[in-house]
C-alpha atoms as a PDB file:
ATOM      1  CA  MET A   1       5.746 -35.311   7.568  1.00  0.00           C
ATOM      2  CA  LYS A   2       6.245 -32.278   9.813  1.00  0.00           C
ATOM      3  CA  ARG A   3       9.382 -31.364   7.901  1.00  0.00           C
ATOM      4  CA  ILE A   4       7.540 -31.495   4.550  1.00  0.00           C
ATOM      5  CA  LEU A   5       4.714 -29.322   5.887  1.00  0.00           C
ATOM      6  CA  SER A   6       7.238 -26.813   7.244  1.00  0.00           C
ATOM      7  CA  VAL A   7       9.005 -26.579   3.887  1.00  0.00           C
ATOM      8  CA  VAL A   8       5.718 -26.223   1.990  1.00  0.00           C
ATOM      9  CA  SER A   9       4.578 -23.553   4.450  1.00  0.00           C
ATOM     10  CA  LEU A  10       7.804 -21.573   4.003  1.00  0.00           C
ATOM     11  CA  LEU A  11       7.562 -21.805   0.215  1.00  0.00           C
ATOM     12  CA  LEU A  12       3.958 -20.639   0.194  1.00  0.00           C
ATOM     13  CA  THR A  13       4.767 -17.758   2.531  1.00  0.00           C
ATOM     14  CA  GLY A  14       7.664 -16.706   0.319  1.00  0.00           C
ATOM     15  CA  ILE A  15       5.508 -16.858  -2.805  1.00  0.00           C
ATOM     16  CA  ALA A  16       2.693 -14.889  -1.157  1.00  0.00           C
ATOM     17  CA  LEU A  17       5.034 -12.162   0.087  1.00  0.00           C
ATOM     18  CA  GLN A  18       7.029 -11.911  -3.108  1.00  0.00           C
ATOM     19  CA  PRO A  19       4.680  -9.525  -4.987  1.00  0.00           C
ATOM     20  CA  ALA A  20       4.521  -7.153  -2.031  1.00  0.00           C
ATOM     21  CA  LEU A  21       8.308  -7.052  -1.679  1.00  0.00           C
ATOM     22  CA  ALA A  22       9.181  -7.202  -5.389  1.00  0.00           C
ATOM     23  CA  ASP A  23       9.859  -3.474  -5.618  1.00  0.00           C
ATOM     24  CA  GLY A  24      12.664  -3.482  -3.064  1.00  0.00           C
ATOM     25  CA  ASN A  25      12.123  -0.650  -0.608  1.00  0.00           C
ATOM     26  CA  ALA A  26       8.567   0.052  -1.831  1.00  0.00           C
ATOM     27  CA  CYS A  27       6.759  -0.957   1.339  1.00  0.00           C
ATOM     28  CA  LEU A  28       3.842   0.541   3.200  1.00  0.00           C
ATOM     29  CA  ASN A  29       2.558  -1.444   6.156  1.00  0.00           C
ATOM     30  CA  PRO A  30      -1.013  -0.295   6.872  1.00  0.00           C
ATOM     31  CA  ARG A  31      -0.938  -1.941  10.317  1.00  0.00           C
ATOM     32  CA  PHE A  32       1.301   0.917  11.472  1.00  0.00           C
ATOM     33  CA  SER A  33       0.536   4.631  11.419  1.00  0.00           C
ATOM     34  CA  TYR A  34       0.762   6.105   7.905  1.00  0.00           C
ATOM     35  CA  HIS A  35      -0.008   9.268   5.964  1.00  0.00           C
ATOM     36  CA  ALA A  36      -1.594   8.968   2.504  1.00  0.00           C
ATOM     37  CA  GLN A  37      -2.256  11.818   0.075  1.00  0.00           C
ATOM     38  CA  PRO A  38      -3.917  11.485  -3.347  1.00  0.00           C
ATOM     39  CA  THR A  39      -1.740  12.993  -6.090  1.00  0.00           C
ATOM     40  CA  GLY A  40      -3.888  12.340  -9.138  1.00  0.00           C
ATOM     41  CA  ASN A  41      -7.022  10.618 -10.316  1.00  0.00           C
ATOM     42  CA  HIS A  42      -5.618   7.166  -9.479  1.00  0.00           C
ATOM     43  CA  ASP A  43      -2.365   7.724  -7.553  1.00  0.00           C
ATOM     44  CA  VAL A  44      -1.579   8.101  -3.865  1.00  0.00           C
ATOM     45  CA  VAL A  45       1.736   8.953  -2.207  1.00  0.00           C
ATOM     46  CA  ALA A  46       2.001   7.350   1.217  1.00  0.00           C
ATOM     47  CA  GLN A  47       4.512   6.887   3.999  1.00  0.00           C
ATOM     48  CA  ASN A  48       4.566   5.010   7.281  1.00  0.00           C
ATOM     49  CA  THR A  49       5.152   7.431  10.153  1.00  0.00           C
ATOM     50  CA  ILE A  50       6.501   4.707  12.472  1.00  0.00           C
ATOM     51  CA  GLY A  51       8.065   1.297  11.966  1.00  0.00           C
ATOM     52  CA  SER A  52      10.969   0.033   9.905  1.00  0.00           C
ATOM     53  CA  HIS A  53       9.623   1.071   6.478  1.00  0.00           C
ATOM     54  CA  THR A  54       9.284   4.849   6.376  1.00  0.00           C
ATOM     55  CA  ALA A  55      10.280   5.506   2.752  1.00  0.00           C
ATOM     56  CA  ARG A  56       7.588   7.159   0.626  1.00  0.00           C
ATOM     57  CA  VAL A  57       5.813   4.985  -1.909  1.00  0.00           C
ATOM     58  CA  ARG A  58       3.672   5.818  -4.927  1.00  0.00           C
ATOM     59  CA  ILE A  59       0.593   3.621  -5.070  1.00  0.00           C
ATOM     60  CA  THR A  60      -1.462   3.328  -8.237  1.00  0.00           C
ATOM     61  CA  THR A  61      -5.047   2.246  -7.637  1.00  0.00           C
ATOM     62  CA  SER A  62      -8.147   1.337  -9.604  1.00  0.00           C
ATOM     63  CA  CYS A  63      -9.962   4.198  -7.821  1.00  0.00           C
ATOM     64  CA  ILE A  64     -11.619   6.798 -10.017  1.00  0.00           C
ATOM     65  CA  ASP A  65     -11.285  10.559  -9.456  1.00  0.00           C
ATOM     66  CA  LEU A  66      -9.408  10.781  -6.159  1.00  0.00           C
ATOM     67  CA  HIS A  67      -9.370  14.215  -4.509  1.00  0.00           C
ATOM     68  CA  ASN A  68      -6.903  15.874  -2.122  1.00  0.00           C
ATOM     69  CA  ALA A  69      -9.546  15.956   0.615  1.00  0.00           C
ATOM     70  CA  ASP A  70     -10.212  12.196   0.407  1.00  0.00           C
ATOM     71  CA  ILE A  71      -9.279  10.014   3.360  1.00  0.00           C
ATOM     72  CA  ILE A  72      -7.425   6.960   2.091  1.00  0.00           C
ATOM     73  CA  SER A  73      -7.417   3.619   3.927  1.00  0.00           C
ATOM     74  CA  PHE A  74      -5.451   0.512   2.954  1.00  0.00           C
ATOM     75  CA  SER A  75      -5.752  -3.143   3.930  1.00  0.00           C
ATOM     76  CA  THR A  76      -3.542  -6.155   3.339  1.00  0.00           C
ATOM     77  CA  ALA A  77      -3.239  -9.724   4.529  1.00  0.00           C
ATOM     78  CA  PHE A  78       0.560  -9.353   4.718  1.00  0.00           C
ATOM     79  CA  GLY A  79       3.041  -6.766   6.022  1.00  0.00           C
ATOM     80  CA  CYS A  80       3.617  -4.612   2.939  1.00  0.00           C
ATOM     81  CA  LEU A  81       0.971  -3.486   0.483  1.00  0.00           C
ATOM     82  CA  GLY A  82       0.989  -5.188  -2.892  1.00  0.00           C
ATOM     83  CA  LYS A  83      -0.981  -5.555  -6.073  1.00  0.00           C
ATOM     84  CA  GLY A  84      -4.599  -6.541  -5.384  1.00  0.00           C
ATOM     85  CA  ASP A  85      -4.731  -5.223  -1.804  1.00  0.00           C
ATOM     86  CA  GLY A  86      -7.729  -3.126  -0.793  1.00  0.00           C
ATOM     87  CA  VAL A  87      -8.157   0.647  -0.862  1.00  0.00           C
ATOM     88  CA  VAL A  88     -11.078   2.709   0.439  1.00  0.00           C
ATOM     89  CA  ALA A  89     -11.356   6.405  -0.444  1.00  0.00           C
ATOM     90  CA  THR A  90     -13.839   8.435   1.599  1.00  0.00           C
ATOM     91  CA  GLY A  91     -14.680  12.009   0.623  1.00  0.00           C
ATOM     92  CA  ILE A  92     -15.730  14.818   2.945  1.00  0.00           C
ATOM     93  CA  ASP A  93     -19.141  14.736   1.247  1.00  0.00           C
ATOM     94  CA  GLY A  94     -19.651  11.117   2.363  1.00  0.00           C
ATOM     95  CA  ARG A  95     -18.994   9.459  -0.988  1.00  0.00           C
ATOM     96  CA  ARG A  96     -17.043   6.257  -0.595  1.00  0.00           C
ATOM     97  CA  GLN A  97     -15.391   3.977  -3.109  1.00  0.00           C
ATOM     98  CA  GLY A  98     -13.630   0.676  -2.694  1.00  0.00           C
ATOM     99  CA  CYS A  99     -10.906  -0.282  -5.141  1.00  0.00           C
ATOM    100  CA  VAL A 100      -7.632  -2.217  -5.364  1.00  0.00           C
ATOM    101  CA  ILE A 101      -3.930  -1.473  -5.682  1.00  0.00           C
ATOM    102  CA  THR A 102      -2.505  -2.004  -9.159  1.00  0.00           C
ATOM    103  CA  LYS A 103       1.124  -0.972  -8.498  1.00  0.00           C
ATOM    104  CA  VAL A 104       3.444   0.031  -5.626  1.00  0.00           C
ATOM    105  CA  VAL A 105       6.807   1.693  -6.360  1.00  0.00           C
ATOM    106  CA  PRO A 106       9.240   3.902  -4.421  1.00  0.00           C
ATOM    107  CA  ASP A 107       8.329   7.588  -4.739  1.00  0.00           C
ATOM    108  CA  ALA A 108      10.839   9.276  -7.041  1.00  0.00           C
ATOM    109  CA  GLN A 109      10.108  12.711  -5.555  1.00  0.00           C
ATOM    110  CA  PRO A 110      11.109  12.752  -1.884  1.00  0.00           C
ATOM    111  CA  ASN A 111       9.520  16.195  -1.351  1.00  0.00           C
ATOM    112  CA  SER A 112       6.086  15.265  -2.723  1.00  0.00           C
ATOM    113  CA  ALA A 113       2.744  16.156  -1.170  1.00  0.00           C
ATOM    114  CA  ALA A 114       2.552  13.207   1.238  1.00  0.00           C
ATOM    115  CA  GLY A 115       3.475  15.392   4.206  1.00  0.00           C
ATOM    116  CA  PRO A 116       5.949  14.826   7.031  1.00  0.00           C
END
């Protein structure tokens, strides 16, 4: 019985992590330090500043009207962000919106506005 539970647990873990890791190197782990910069009304370019995944990623969100001055926070139940994970955008004027991630891909422009 223990062996069956172990196998089922491994399968469920693999299935749950698959969407987050489906884009290869497109990983942002919000449990480590990261920098996130809005680049459009719905998009954010982000990069971990420490850890094993430091490649830049482009994150498309369901947020509406993101601004450069917004502070972006991410949350996930797993290591890498994936579709359906949470986003909170807080403006300097106090406005706050909660939304979800709709897509995570590697950033095609390595010199984008996400910072160092």
